Structure formats: C-alpha cells, structure tokens
C-alpha atoms as a PDB file:
ATOM      1  CA  UNK A   1     342.662   9.159 261.390  1.00  0.00           C
ATOM      2  CA  UNK A   2     343.927  10.414 265.015  1.00  0.00           C
ATOM      3  CA  UNK A   3     340.776  10.745 265.506  1.00  0.00           C
ATOM      4  CA  UNK A   4     339.030   6.805 264.750  1.00  0.00           C
ATOM      5  CA  UNK A   5     335.448   6.531 265.084  1.00  0.00           C
ATOM      6  CA  UNK A   6     334.610  10.093 266.188  1.00  0.00           C
ATOM      7  CA  UNK A   7     330.968  10.743 266.054  1.00  0.00           C
ATOM      8  CA  UNK A   8     329.410  13.668 265.110  1.00  0.00           C
ATOM      9  CA  UNK A   9     325.994  13.018 267.006  1.00  0.00           C
ATOM     10  CA  UNK A  10     323.814  13.430 263.543  1.00  0.00           C
ATOM     11  CA  UNK A  11     321.896  10.596 262.100  1.00  0.00           C
ATOM     12  CA  UNK A  12     322.729  11.658 259.122  1.00  0.00           C
ATOM     13  CA  UNK A  13     323.686  14.720 256.795  1.00  0.00           C
ATOM     14  CA  UNK A  14     321.649  17.307 256.605  1.00  0.00           C
ATOM     15  CA  UNK A  15     319.536  18.922 253.988  1.00  0.00           C
ATOM     16  CA  UNK A  16     320.265  21.444 252.918  1.00  0.00           C
ATOM     17  CA  UNK A  17     317.427  23.218 250.718  1.00  0.00           C
ATOM     18  CA  UNK A  18     315.096  22.550 254.270  1.00  0.00           C
ATOM     19  CA  UNK A  19     317.183  24.237 256.242  1.00  0.00           C
ATOM     20  CA  UNK A  20     315.562  27.810 257.633  1.00  0.00           C
ATOM     21  CA  UNK A  21     317.195  30.950 255.397  1.00  0.00           C
ATOM     22  CA  UNK A  22     319.338  31.972 258.400  1.00  0.00           C
ATOM     23  CA  UNK A  23     320.334  28.883 258.977  1.00  0.00           C
ATOM     24  CA  UNK A  24     321.579  28.019 255.455  1.00  0.00           C
ATOM     25  CA  UNK A  25     324.505  30.962 255.909  1.00  0.00           C
ATOM     26  CA  UNK A  26     327.078  28.077 258.164  1.00  0.00           C
ATOM     27  CA  UNK A  27     326.656  25.772 255.085  1.00  0.00           C
ATOM     28  CA  UNK A  28     327.567  28.365 252.437  1.00  0.00           C
ATOM     29  CA  UNK A  29     330.461  30.200 254.158  1.00  0.00           C
ATOM     30  CA  UNK A  30     331.827  26.458 254.349  1.00  0.00           C
ATOM     31  CA  UNK A  31     331.256  26.169 250.538  1.00  0.00           C
ATOM     32  CA  UNK A  32     333.090  29.308 249.893  1.00  0.00           C
ATOM     33  CA  UNK A  33     335.673  27.994 251.910  1.00  0.00           C
ATOM     34  CA  UNK A  34     335.757  31.151 254.782  1.00  0.00           C
ATOM     35  CA  UNK A  35     337.822  29.734 257.795  1.00  0.00           C
ATOM     36  CA  UNK A  36     334.639  29.238 260.501  1.00  0.00           C
ATOM     37  CA  UNK A  37     336.727  31.333 263.813  1.00  0.00           C
ATOM     38  CA  UNK A  38     336.452  31.153 267.186  1.00  0.00           C
ATOM     39  CA  UNK A  39     333.571  33.827 267.681  1.00  0.00           C
ATOM     40  CA  UNK A  40     331.624  32.795 264.541  1.00  0.00           C
ATOM     41  CA  UNK A  41     328.393  31.247 264.927  1.00  0.00           C
ATOM     42  CA  UNK A  42     328.376  27.308 264.416  1.00  0.00           C
ATOM     43  CA  UNK A  43     325.968  24.603 264.434  1.00  0.00           C
ATOM     44  CA  UNK A  44     326.016  22.308 268.001  1.00  0.00           C
ATOM     45  CA  UNK A  45     327.044  19.139 266.022  1.00  0.00           C
ATOM     46  CA  UNK A  46     329.544  20.331 264.286  1.00  0.00           C
ATOM     47  CA  UNK A  47     331.350  22.498 267.431  1.00  0.00           C
ATOM     48  CA  UNK A  48     330.736  19.122 268.979  1.00  0.00           C
ATOM     49  CA  UNK A  49     332.621  17.259 266.460  1.00  0.00           C
ATOM     50  CA  UNK A  50     335.391  19.593 265.887  1.00  0.00           C
ATOM     51  CA  UNK A  51     335.759  18.675 270.310  1.00  0.00           C
ATOM     52  CA  UNK A  52     335.398  15.506 269.955  1.00  0.00           C
ATOM     53  CA  UNK A  53     338.429  15.094 266.982  1.00  0.00           C
ATOM     54  CA  UNK A  54     340.687  17.797 267.876  1.00  0.00           C
ATOM     55  CA  UNK A  55     340.749  16.215 271.467  1.00  0.00           C
ATOM     56  CA  UNK A  56     341.607  12.782 269.962  1.00  0.00           C
ATOM     57  CA  UNK A  57     344.110  14.025 267.783  1.00  0.00           C
ATOM     58  CA  UNK A  58     345.853  15.459 270.883  1.00  0.00           C
ATOM     59  CA  UNK A  59     345.538  12.722 273.030  1.00  0.00           C
ATOM     60  CA  UNK A  60     346.727  10.657 270.406  1.00  0.00           C
ATOM     61  CA  UNK A  61     350.168  13.677 269.928  1.00  0.00           C
ATOM     62  CA  UNK A  62     351.007  13.204 273.583  1.00  0.00           C
ATOM     63  CA  UNK A  63     350.134   8.864 274.536  1.00  0.00           C
ATOM     64  CA  UNK A  64     352.210   8.887 270.976  1.00  0.00           C
ATOM     65  CA  UNK A  65     355.132   9.920 273.112  1.00  0.00           C
ATOM     66  CA  UNK A  66     355.227   7.096 275.012  1.00  0.00           C
ATOM     67  CA  UNK A  67     355.799   4.075 272.805  1.00  0.00           C
ATOM     68  CA  UNK A  68     359.420   5.959 272.387  1.00  0.00           C
ATOM     69  CA  UNK A  69     359.831   7.569 275.533  1.00  0.00           C
ATOM     70  CA  UNK A  70     361.059   3.809 276.549  1.00  0.00           C
ATOM     71  CA  UNK A  71     364.373   3.946 274.485  1.00  0.00           C
ATOM     72  CA  UNK A  72     365.774   7.088 274.914  1.00  0.00           C
ATOM     73  CA  UNK A  73     368.145   5.866 277.245  1.00  0.00           C
ATOM     74  CA  UNK A  74     368.767   2.459 275.181  1.00  0.00           C
ATOM     75  CA  UNK A  75     369.315   4.439 271.756  1.00  0.00           C
ATOM     76  CA  UNK A  76     372.491   2.793 269.789  1.00  0.00           C
ATOM     77  CA  UNK A  77     374.409   6.371 269.725  1.00  0.00           C
ATOM     78  CA  UNK A  78     374.227  10.406 271.506  1.00  0.00           C
ATOM     79  CA  UNK A  79     373.164  11.693 268.050  1.00  0.00           C
ATOM     80  CA  UNK A  80     370.308   8.838 268.203  1.00  0.00           C
ATOM     81  CA  UNK A  81     369.623   9.639 271.602  1.00  0.00           C
ATOM     82  CA  UNK A  82     369.840  13.260 270.794  1.00  0.00           C
ATOM     83  CA  UNK A  83     366.912  13.118 267.812  1.00  0.00           C
ATOM     84  CA  UNK A  84     364.645  10.978 269.523  1.00  0.00           C
ATOM     85  CA  UNK A  85     364.406  13.204 272.712  1.00  0.00           C
ATOM     86  CA  UNK A  86     363.483  16.651 270.134  1.00  0.00           C
ATOM     87  CA  UNK A  87     360.911  14.231 267.942  1.00  0.00           C
ATOM     88  CA  UNK A  88     359.295  13.359 271.808  1.00  0.00           C
ATOM     89  CA  UNK A  89     359.291  16.986 272.794  1.00  0.00           C
ATOM     90  CA  UNK A  90     357.719  18.217 269.313  1.00  0.00           C
ATOM     91  CA  UNK A  91     355.159  15.376 270.053  1.00  0.00           C
ATOM     92  CA  UNK A  92     354.371  17.650 273.806  1.00  0.00           C
ATOM     93  CA  UNK A  93     354.226  20.454 271.638  1.00  0.00           C
ATOM     94  CA  UNK A  94     351.297  18.848 269.121  1.00  0.00           C
ATOM     95  CA  UNK A  95     348.781  17.948 271.746  1.00  0.00           C
ATOM     96  CA  UNK A  96     349.751  21.286 273.276  1.00  0.00           C
ATOM     97  CA  UNK A  97     348.237  23.106 269.987  1.00  0.00           C
ATOM     98  CA  UNK A  98     345.812  21.126 269.630  1.00  0.00           C
ATOM     99  CA  UNK A  99     344.190  21.150 272.971  1.00  0.00           C
ATOM    100  CA  UNK A 100     344.482  25.409 273.004  1.00  0.00           C
ATOM    101  CA  UNK A 101     342.714  24.763 269.511  1.00  0.00           C
ATOM    102  CA  UNK A 102     340.039  22.686 271.370  1.00  0.00           C
ATOM    103  CA  UNK A 103     340.579  25.431 273.919  1.00  0.00           C
ATOM    104  CA  UNK A 104     338.628  27.628 271.787  1.00  0.00           C
ATOM    105  CA  UNK A 105     335.269  26.046 271.215  1.00  0.00           C
ATOM    106  CA  UNK A 106     334.600  25.998 274.838  1.00  0.00           C
ATOM    107  CA  UNK A 107     335.592  23.009 276.632  1.00  0.00           C
ATOM    108  CA  UNK A 108     339.151  22.756 278.749  1.00  0.00           C
ATOM    109  CA  UNK A 109     341.559  20.673 279.046  1.00  0.00           C
ATOM    110  CA  UNK A 110     340.954  19.523 282.206  1.00  0.00           C
ATOM    111  CA  UNK A 111     337.024  18.324 281.086  1.00  0.00           C
ATOM    112  CA  UNK A 112     339.097  16.740 278.270  1.00  0.00           C
ATOM    113  CA  UNK A 113     341.841  14.716 280.155  1.00  0.00           C
ATOM    114  CA  UNK A 114     338.924  13.557 282.391  1.00  0.00           C
ATOM    115  CA  UNK A 115     337.049  12.266 278.912  1.00  0.00           C
ATOM    116  CA  UNK A 116     339.826  10.762 278.026  1.00  0.00           C
ATOM    117  CA  UNK A 117     340.657   8.663 281.687  1.00  0.00           C
ATOM    118  CA  UNK A 118     337.290   7.800 281.717  1.00  0.00           C
ATOM    119  CA  UNK A 119     337.274   6.075 278.597  1.00  0.00           C
ATOM    120  CA  UNK A 120     335.180   8.282 276.787  1.00  0.00           C
ATOM    121  CA  UNK A 121     337.006   9.669 273.836  1.00  0.00           C
ATOM    122  CA  UNK A 122     339.831   7.910 272.313  1.00  0.00           C
ATOM    123  CA  UNK A 123     343.731   8.544 270.794  1.00  0.00           C
ATOM    124  CA  UNK A 124     345.031   6.631 268.169  1.00  0.00           C
ATOM    125  CA  UNK A 125     344.653   2.488 267.960  1.00  0.00           C
ATOM    126  CA  UNK A 126     348.394   2.827 266.758  1.00  0.00           C
ATOM    127  CA  UNK A 127     349.737   3.297 270.777  1.00  0.00           C
ATOM    128  CA  UNK A 128     348.680   0.521 271.569  1.00  0.00           C
ATOM    129  CA  UNK A 129     351.415  -1.329 270.099  1.00  0.00           C
ATOM    130  CA  UNK A 130     354.945  -2.119 272.058  1.00  0.00           C
ATOM    131  CA  UNK A 131     357.926  -0.758 270.612  1.00  0.00           C
ATOM    132  CA  UNK A 132     359.562  -4.113 271.349  1.00  0.00           C
ATOM    133  CA  UNK A 133     363.875  -3.072 269.079  1.00  0.00           C
ATOM    134  CA  UNK A 134     365.572  -0.211 268.220  1.00  0.00           C
ATOM    135  CA  UNK A 135     364.175  -0.902 265.116  1.00  0.00           C
ATOM    136  CA  UNK A 136     360.503   0.369 265.968  1.00  0.00           C
ATOM    137  CA  UNK A 137     361.219   2.925 266.304  1.00  0.00           C
ATOM    138  CA  UNK A 138     362.353   3.152 262.661  1.00  0.00           C
ATOM    139  CA  UNK A 139     359.223   2.112 261.787  1.00  0.00           C
ATOM    140  CA  UNK A 140     357.211   4.381 264.062  1.00  0.00           C
ATOM    141  CA  UNK A 141     358.642   7.319 262.096  1.00  0.00           C
ATOM    142  CA  UNK A 142     358.680   5.568 258.715  1.00  0.00           C
ATOM    143  CA  UNK A 143     355.117   4.147 258.739  1.00  0.00           C
ATOM    144  CA  UNK A 144     353.418   6.232 261.885  1.00  0.00           C
ATOM    145  CA  UNK A 145     353.772   9.032 261.135  1.00  0.00           C
ATOM    146  CA  UNK A 146     354.333   8.372 256.939  1.00  0.00           C
ATOM    147  CA  UNK A 147     350.795   7.757 257.805  1.00  0.00           C
ATOM    148  CA  UNK A 148     350.165  11.294 260.069  1.00  0.00           C
ATOM    149  CA  UNK A 149     351.307  13.034 257.146  1.00  0.00           C
ATOM    150  CA  UNK A 150     348.737  11.723 254.604  1.00  0.00           C
ATOM    151  CA  UNK A 151     346.006  12.458 256.929  1.00  0.00           C
ATOM    152  CA  UNK A 152     347.370  15.743 258.415  1.00  0.00           C
ATOM    153  CA  UNK A 153     348.634  17.462 255.522  1.00  0.00           C
ATOM    154  CA  UNK A 154     344.729  18.225 254.251  1.00  0.00           C
ATOM    155  CA  UNK A 155     343.632  19.173 257.510  1.00  0.00           C
ATOM    156  CA  UNK A 156     345.779  22.678 256.859  1.00  0.00           C
ATOM    157  CA  UNK A 157     342.914  23.630 255.374  1.00  0.00           C
ATOM    158  CA  UNK A 158     340.114  21.856 257.255  1.00  0.00           C
ATOM    159  CA  UNK A 159     337.152  24.947 257.721  1.00  0.00           C
ATOM    160  CA  UNK A 160     338.464  25.625 261.222  1.00  0.00           C
ATOM    161  CA  UNK A 161     340.835  28.534 261.398  1.00  0.00           C
ATOM    162  CA  UNK A 162     341.728  27.429 264.797  1.00  0.00           C
ATOM    163  CA  UNK A 163     342.279  23.723 263.535  1.00  0.00           C
ATOM    164  CA  UNK A 164     344.219  24.625 260.039  1.00  0.00           C
ATOM    165  CA  UNK A 165     346.492  27.162 261.636  1.00  0.00           C
ATOM    166  CA  UNK A 166     348.326  23.840 264.365  1.00  0.00           C
ATOM    167  CA  UNK A 167     347.959  21.859 262.059  1.00  0.00           C
ATOM    168  CA  UNK A 168     350.679  24.358 259.015  1.00  0.00           C
ATOM    169  CA  UNK A 169     353.399  23.341 261.848  1.00  0.00           C
ATOM    170  CA  UNK A 170     352.792  20.303 262.848  1.00  0.00           C
ATOM    171  CA  UNK A 171     352.488  18.894 259.481  1.00  0.00           C
ATOM    172  CA  UNK A 172     356.200  20.706 259.176  1.00  0.00           C
ATOM    173  CA  UNK A 173     357.449  18.786 262.316  1.00  0.00           C
ATOM    174  CA  UNK A 174     355.502  15.906 261.249  1.00  0.00           C
ATOM    175  CA  UNK A 175     358.110  15.542 258.071  1.00  0.00           C
ATOM    176  CA  UNK A 176     361.502  15.827 259.762  1.00  0.00           C
ATOM    177  CA  UNK A 177     359.954  12.866 262.221  1.00  0.00           C
ATOM    178  CA  UNK A 178     359.159  10.776 259.015  1.00  0.00           C
ATOM    179  CA  UNK A 179     362.867  11.110 257.612  1.00  0.00           C
ATOM    180  CA  UNK A 180     364.217   9.935 261.373  1.00  0.00           C
ATOM    181  CA  UNK A 181     362.392   7.214 261.214  1.00  0.00           C
ATOM    182  CA  UNK A 182     363.180   5.906 257.537  1.00  0.00           C
ATOM    183  CA  UNK A 183     367.416   6.649 258.571  1.00  0.00           C
ATOM    184  CA  UNK A 184     366.941   4.527 261.151  1.00  0.00           C
ATOM    185  CA  UNK A 185     366.007   2.017 258.433  1.00  0.00           C
ATOM    186  CA  UNK A 186     368.465   2.953 255.747  1.00  0.00           C
ATOM    187  CA  UNK A 187     371.475   2.379 258.626  1.00  0.00           C
ATOM    188  CA  UNK A 188     369.527  -0.886 259.732  1.00  0.00           C
ATOM    189  CA  UNK A 189     369.188  -2.203 256.038  1.00  0.00           C
ATOM    190  CA  UNK A 190     372.919  -1.451 255.154  1.00  0.00           C
ATOM    191  CA  UNK A 191     373.917  -2.905 258.515  1.00  0.00           C
ATOM    192  CA  UNK A 192     374.617  -6.739 259.525  1.00  0.00           C
ATOM    193  CA  UNK A 193     372.521  -9.354 258.628  1.00  0.00           C
ATOM    194  CA  UNK A 194     370.495  -9.732 261.764  1.00  0.00           C
ATOM    195  CA  UNK A 195     369.793  -5.697 261.378  1.00  0.00           C
ATOM    196  CA  UNK A 196     368.691  -6.019 258.609  1.00  0.00           C
ATOM    197  CA  UNK A 197     365.930  -8.694 260.258  1.00  0.00           C
ATOM    198  CA  UNK A 198     365.548  -7.277 262.922  1.00  0.00           C
ATOM    199  CA  UNK A 199     363.968  -4.281 260.670  1.00  0.00           C
ATOM    200  CA  UNK A 200     361.680  -6.662 258.527  1.00  0.00           C
ATOM    201  CA  UNK A 201     360.090  -7.658 261.836  1.00  0.00           C
ATOM    202  CA  UNK A 202     359.790  -4.299 263.317  1.00  0.00           C
ATOM    203  CA  UNK A 203     357.985  -3.977 259.598  1.00  0.00           C
ATOM    204  CA  UNK A 204     356.201  -6.614 259.658  1.00  0.00           C
ATOM    205  CA  UNK A 205     354.409  -5.762 263.227  1.00  0.00           C
ATOM    206  CA  UNK A 206     354.436  -2.702 262.217  1.00  0.00           C
ATOM    207  CA  UNK A 207     352.260  -2.585 258.771  1.00  0.00           C
ATOM    208  CA  UNK A 208     348.636  -3.190 259.140  1.00  0.00           C
ATOM    209  CA  UNK A 209     348.679  -1.160 262.306  1.00  0.00           C
ATOM    210  CA  UNK A 210     349.849   1.360 260.235  1.00  0.00           C
ATOM    211  CA  UNK A 211     347.264   0.968 257.519  1.00  0.00           C
ATOM    212  CA  UNK A 212     344.540   0.168 259.778  1.00  0.00           C
ATOM    213  CA  UNK A 213     345.664   4.083 260.787  1.00  0.00           C
ATOM    214  CA  UNK A 214     343.329   5.692 258.697  1.00  0.00           C
ATOM    215  CA  UNK A 215     339.937   3.827 260.354  1.00  0.00           C
ATOM    216  CA  UNK A 216     337.400   1.835 258.786  1.00  0.00           C
ATOM    217  CA  UNK A 217     336.758   1.360 255.815  1.00  0.00           C
ATOM    218  CA  UNK A 218     334.050   4.426 254.290  1.00  0.00           C
ATOM    219  CA  UNK A 219     331.285   1.850 254.130  1.00  0.00           C
ATOM    220  CA  UNK A 220     331.288   1.280 257.295  1.00  0.00           C
ATOM    221  CA  UNK A 221     332.237   4.886 258.558  1.00  0.00           C
ATOM    222  CA  UNK A 222     329.116   6.693 259.272  1.00  0.00           C
ATOM    223  CA  UNK A 223     329.899   9.674 260.229  1.00  0.00           C
ATOM    224  CA  UNK A 224     332.494  10.717 257.553  1.00  0.00           C
ATOM    225  CA  UNK A 225     329.957  11.773 255.083  1.00  0.00           C
ATOM    226  CA  UNK A 226     328.963  14.670 257.221  1.00  0.00           C
ATOM    227  CA  UNK A 227     332.524  15.900 258.301  1.00  0.00           C
ATOM    228  CA  UNK A 228     333.174  16.124 254.510  1.00  0.00           C
ATOM    229  CA  UNK A 229     330.481  18.473 254.345  1.00  0.00           C
ATOM    230  CA  UNK A 230     331.703  20.830 256.804  1.00  0.00           C
ATOM    231  CA  UNK A 231     335.826  20.624 255.502  1.00  0.00           C
ATOM    232  CA  UNK A 232     336.484  19.496 258.673  1.00  0.00           C
ATOM    233  CA  UNK A 233     337.579  16.132 257.110  1.00  0.00           C
ATOM    234  CA  UNK A 234     338.538  16.972 252.821  1.00  0.00           C
ATOM    235  CA  UNK A 235     340.051  13.093 252.636  1.00  0.00           C
ATOM    236  CA  UNK A 236     337.817   9.840 253.005  1.00  0.00           C
ATOM    237  CA  UNK A 237     339.297   6.883 255.433  1.00  0.00           C
ATOM    238  CA  UNK A 238     340.121   4.342 251.675  1.00  0.00           C
ATOM    239  CA  UNK A 239     341.546   7.698 249.982  1.00  0.00           C
ATOM    240  CA  UNK A 240     344.220   8.254 252.595  1.00  0.00           C
ATOM    241  CA  UNK A 241     344.761   4.839 253.084  1.00  0.00           C
ATOM    242  CA  UNK A 242     345.443   4.088 249.196  1.00  0.00           C
ATOM    243  CA  UNK A 243     347.484   7.264 249.136  1.00  0.00           C
ATOM    244  CA  UNK A 244     349.899   5.783 251.906  1.00  0.00           C
ATOM    245  CA  UNK A 245     350.199   2.548 250.266  1.00  0.00           C
ATOM    246  CA  UNK A 246     351.180   3.445 246.801  1.00  0.00           C
ATOM    247  CA  UNK A 247     353.620   6.233 248.486  1.00  0.00           C
ATOM    248  CA  UNK A 248     355.341   3.348 251.360  1.00  0.00           C
ATOM    249  CA  UNK A 249     355.402   0.416 248.198  1.00  0.00           C
ATOM    250  CA  UNK A 250     358.118   2.200 246.971  1.00  0.00           C
ATOM    251  CA  UNK A 251     360.085   3.022 249.867  1.00  0.00           C
ATOM    252  CA  UNK A 252     360.761  -0.522 250.957  1.00  0.00           C
ATOM    253  CA  UNK A 253     361.529  -1.524 247.970  1.00  0.00           C
ATOM    254  CA  UNK A 254     364.369   1.016 248.023  1.00  0.00           C
ATOM    255  CA  UNK A 255     364.897  -0.407 251.633  1.00  0.00           C
ATOM    256  CA  UNK A 256     365.381  -3.533 250.263  1.00  0.00           C
ATOM    257  CA  UNK A 257     362.606  -4.775 252.551  1.00  0.00           C
ATOM    258  CA  UNK A 258     359.093  -7.111 251.965  1.00  0.00           C
ATOM    259  CA  UNK A 259     355.829  -5.894 252.948  1.00  0.00           C
ATOM    260  CA  UNK A 260     354.004  -8.467 254.155  1.00  0.00           C
ATOM    261  CA  UNK A 261     351.693  -8.755 252.371  1.00  0.00           C
ATOM    262  CA  UNK A 262     351.143 -11.999 250.129  1.00  0.00           C
ATOM    263  CA  UNK A 263     348.086 -10.110 248.211  1.00  0.00           C
ATOM    264  CA  UNK A 264     349.985  -6.686 247.226  1.00  0.00           C
ATOM    265  CA  UNK A 265     350.114  -6.265 243.606  1.00  0.00           C
ATOM    266  CA  UNK A 266     350.436  -3.058 241.378  1.00  0.00           C
ATOM    267  CA  UNK A 267     347.587  -2.597 239.802  1.00  0.00           C
ATOM    268  CA  UNK A 268     348.132  -0.932 236.139  1.00  0.00           C
ATOM    269  CA  UNK A 269     344.763  -0.602 235.014  1.00  0.00           C
ATOM    270  CA  UNK A 270     343.728   1.458 238.763  1.00  0.00           C
ATOM    271  CA  UNK A 271     347.162   3.071 238.688  1.00  0.00           C
ATOM    272  CA  UNK A 272     347.166   2.349 242.253  1.00  0.00           C
ATOM    273  CA  UNK A 273     348.403  -0.886 244.785  1.00  0.00           C
ATOM    274  CA  UNK A 274     345.837  -3.499 244.854  1.00  0.00           C
ATOM    275  CA  UNK A 275     346.508  -5.214 248.639  1.00  0.00           C
ATOM    276  CA  UNK A 276     345.036  -7.751 251.001  1.00  0.00           C
ATOM    277  CA  UNK A 277     342.167  -7.491 253.578  1.00  0.00           C
ATOM    278  CA  UNK A 278     342.179  -5.510 256.493  1.00  0.00           C
ATOM    279  CA  UNK A 279     341.753  -7.276 260.154  1.00  0.00           C
ATOM    280  CA  UNK A 280     339.139  -5.361 261.124  1.00  0.00           C
ATOM    281  CA  UNK A 281     338.430  -6.940 264.022  1.00  0.00           C
ATOM    282  CA  UNK A 282     341.633  -6.848 265.317  1.00  0.00           C
ATOM    283  CA  UNK A 283     341.041  -3.412 264.977  1.00  0.00           C
ATOM    284  CA  UNK A 284     337.970  -2.410 266.561  1.00  0.00           C
ATOM    285  CA  UNK A 285     339.482  -4.675 269.308  1.00  0.00           C
ATOM    286  CA  UNK A 286     341.934  -2.494 269.965  1.00  0.00           C
ATOM    287  CA  UNK A 287     339.190   0.442 269.551  1.00  0.00           C
ATOM    288  CA  UNK A 288     337.323  -1.136 272.463  1.00  0.00           C
ATOM    289  CA  UNK A 289     340.402  -1.456 274.968  1.00  0.00           C
ATOM    290  CA  UNK A 290     342.425  -4.626 273.954  1.00  0.00           C
ATOM    291  CA  UNK A 291     345.330  -3.984 271.801  1.00  0.00           C
ATOM    292  CA  UNK A 292     348.528  -5.474 273.969  1.00  0.00           C
ATOM    293  CA  UNK A 293     349.073  -1.814 275.590  1.00  0.00           C
ATOM    294  CA  UNK A 294     345.968   0.180 276.156  1.00  0.00           C
ATOM    295  CA  UNK A 295     345.839  -0.742 280.034  1.00  0.00           C
ATOM    296  CA  UNK A 296     349.394   0.235 280.767  1.00  0.00           C
ATOM    297  CA  UNK A 297     348.681   3.684 278.329  1.00  0.00           C
ATOM    298  CA  UNK A 298     346.173   5.053 280.124  1.00  0.00           C
ATOM    299  CA  UNK A 299     347.219   4.421 284.109  1.00  0.00           C
ATOM    300  CA  UNK A 300     350.454   6.449 282.301  1.00  0.00           C
ATOM    301  CA  UNK A 301     348.564   9.154 281.743  1.00  0.00           C
ATOM    302  CA  UNK A 302     346.508   8.660 285.229  1.00  0.00           C
ATOM    303  CA  UNK A 303     349.306   8.664 286.934  1.00  0.00           C
ATOM    304  CA  UNK A 304     351.026  11.600 285.192  1.00  0.00           C
ATOM    305  CA  UNK A 305     347.377  13.796 285.598  1.00  0.00           C
ATOM    306  CA  UNK A 306     347.287  12.715 289.492  1.00  0.00           C
ATOM    307  CA  UNK A 307     351.335  13.435 290.026  1.00  0.00           C
ATOM    308  CA  UNK A 308     351.288  17.023 288.269  1.00  0.00           C
ATOM    309  CA  UNK A 309     347.890  17.993 290.377  1.00  0.00           C
ATOM    310  CA  UNK A 310     350.627  19.909 292.870  1.00  0.00           C
ATOM    311  CA  UNK A 311     351.517  21.680 289.531  1.00  0.00           C
ATOM    312  CA  UNK A 312     348.099  23.070 288.589  1.00  0.00           C
ATOM    313  CA  UNK A 313     347.141  23.815 291.722  1.00  0.00           C
ATOM    314  CA  UNK A 314     350.270  26.499 292.172  1.00  0.00           C
ATOM    315  CA  UNK A 315     350.266  27.674 288.933  1.00  0.00           C
ATOM    316  CA  UNK A 316     346.633  28.696 289.788  1.00  0.00           C
ATOM    317  CA  UNK A 317     347.255  29.643 293.140  1.00  0.00           C
ATOM    318  CA  UNK A 318     349.660  32.236 292.048  1.00  0.00           C
ATOM    319  CA  UNK A 319     347.864  33.598 288.879  1.00  0.00           C
ATOM    320  CA  UNK A 320     345.339  34.344 291.591  1.00  0.00           C
ATOM    321  CA  UNK A 321     348.053  35.984 292.905  1.00  0.00           C
ATOM    322  CA  UNK A 322     348.956  38.485 290.302  1.00  0.00           C
ATOM    323  CA  UNK A 323     345.695  39.305 289.628  1.00  0.00           C
ATOM    324  CA  UNK A 324     345.201  40.454 293.483  1.00  0.00           C
ATOM    325  CA  UNK A 325     348.424  42.347 293.252  1.00  0.00           C
ATOM    326  CA  UNK A 326     346.738  44.082 290.187  1.00  0.00           C
ATOM    327  CA  UNK A 327     343.821  44.636 290.898  1.00  0.00           C
ATOM    328  CA  UNK A 328     345.644  46.349 294.337  1.00  0.00           C
ATOM    329  CA  UNK A 329     347.621  48.321 292.204  1.00  0.00           C
ATOM    330  CA  UNK A 330     344.608  49.193 290.339  1.00  0.00           C
ATOM    331  CA  UNK A 331     342.951  50.737 293.446  1.00  0.00           C
ATOM    332  CA  UNK A 332     345.641  52.540 294.508  1.00  0.00           C
ATOM    333  CA  UNK A 333     345.889  54.611 291.638  1.00  0.00           C
END
C-alpha cells in the first residue's frame, strides 16, 4: 500500500523447477518461513524489490507528517495539540526505522532521498491530498491509518527479517493513530450540526483516496505475484481493500456518517460489502505527480534536505574526528 506500483524487475514469476539446484535453496527457505537476514544470499531481484518497497514506505511515513503538521498550532485544545504532536513524532520514527531496514540491503539514506527528490521512487498517493479542516485530521487517523494497519499487520510476517521486526513496533503505534482519528470523529459527530457536517465532508473527500491506497486491482498489479511468491507481500491489493471496506462501514454507521458510495451494499452471499467502481484515472494521475499537493510535498522535502546539509556535514566531521582520536589513542597505547 505504502509502496504503490513497485517494480520487481522480473517479467514473470520464476519457475522453481527450472532453476539450477543451487538457486532452489532461496525459494525453499521462503517456503519454510525462514526469515532472510542481511548477511544471507538472496536474488538480486528480491533485494531490489525490497529496497524499493521499504524506501517508498519510509518516504510515505516522512511525507505523511506534512498534511498534519500545519494543524499542530490550530488544533482545538492543548490536549489535541499534544496528541497530534506525539503522532507526528511517531511517524518520523517510523521513517527512521524503515530507512535503517533498507540500509541493511546496501543502499544509503542519501541515495534513497536522492531517488525521491529526482522522482525515481514514489510515496503513497494519499499524502498528496490537502487537509482543509480539523475534521481531516480525524479522517486521516481513522481512514488512512486504519488502511495502513490493514496493510502493515501482514508485513510483520514478511520474509525479510529487518523489515518484519520494524513493522511490529510500527503497527503498535499505528493502532494508537487510528484510535486518535476515530476519537476526533466521534467528538465531532457528537457535537453541533456544523461539526457533524464537517466530519461528513471530510469522509466524503477522504473515502475514495483511502480505498485507492491499496494500489491497483489484482488484475492490473503485474508484479504482485512475484512479491507474494517471495512473501514480501502476503495478501493481495483487492483482499486488503475488501477487508478495509468491511471494517470501516460499520464504524461509519456507528458515527452516524454516510459512506459516499451509492453502490455500497452488504452482499449476504459473499459475506462482504459490495462497493462502487474506483476512479483509477484519478489514482494514476496522482501517482504520476498530478495530485493537488504533489509539487508542494516534494518541494518541502527538498527544502528540508537542503537546509539540513550542514547538520549532516557536521555529524560526519565529528565522527571522523572521534575516529581519528580513537586511532591516535590506540597507537599511543
């Protein structure tokens, strides 16, 4: 979800029987649910897929702070400010965990940031939408973080050890974020008619982008099969999307809000909700950089990277000085 449109670098799923015996060991470890660690041998396409997926996930966590950051000073109470600041701080931490996990695959943080700013990799399309009202902060926590949890819990069992272990803590903190958002929506729906109307407006604008978060339909997701074979991805886009809809519709009913989908209906034969057609033209337009806030988000990240150059240089100089002192002390001894 946070790594939409990741290319595995393979045209089709490998035929295990056609591989030489030495190359069958890796798929056998995957099938046996043995975690792959950084020092283990792995196919280059597996490593490349992980690098792209994990860094896109990391970029999404960092860019995900931006839609909420401009509401810290405008939150309606000191309590809400403190909660929102804690959530934003968590998201920064998630980005750092994930950048660290990607670095175990031999890619530097500088290179990952360079790829983002050059447009070579993406972040989740959801963060290219604006937060127009305080209710949007509730909708992000309820819907966006709710969708994130749906996608990320299976990642705790993915085949790459550092990624799986990072996701355990991230999922625990994401559950707080989802509850925070739902609590905002509950307060607004229990407030004045104007406040409930604001909550409904936020749901109307964030529903379909949240449904799109899981990525293209399985029929259009050409690389999902290989990611599933490697157990990088354990559930398909459409499975995750259906779970999200099934979970969220009763929550909206509890709030007294209406899901903006005229085709939404419970299907007793399937045991799931049927829902309307997704506007994939909008999804692909946002992915390609034509969303409401694409340009703004990248410019903010570019400015932050440029403004922080002196800090990185100072840290490297300090590390080099300490290393030199250690070497001098060793020689003197």
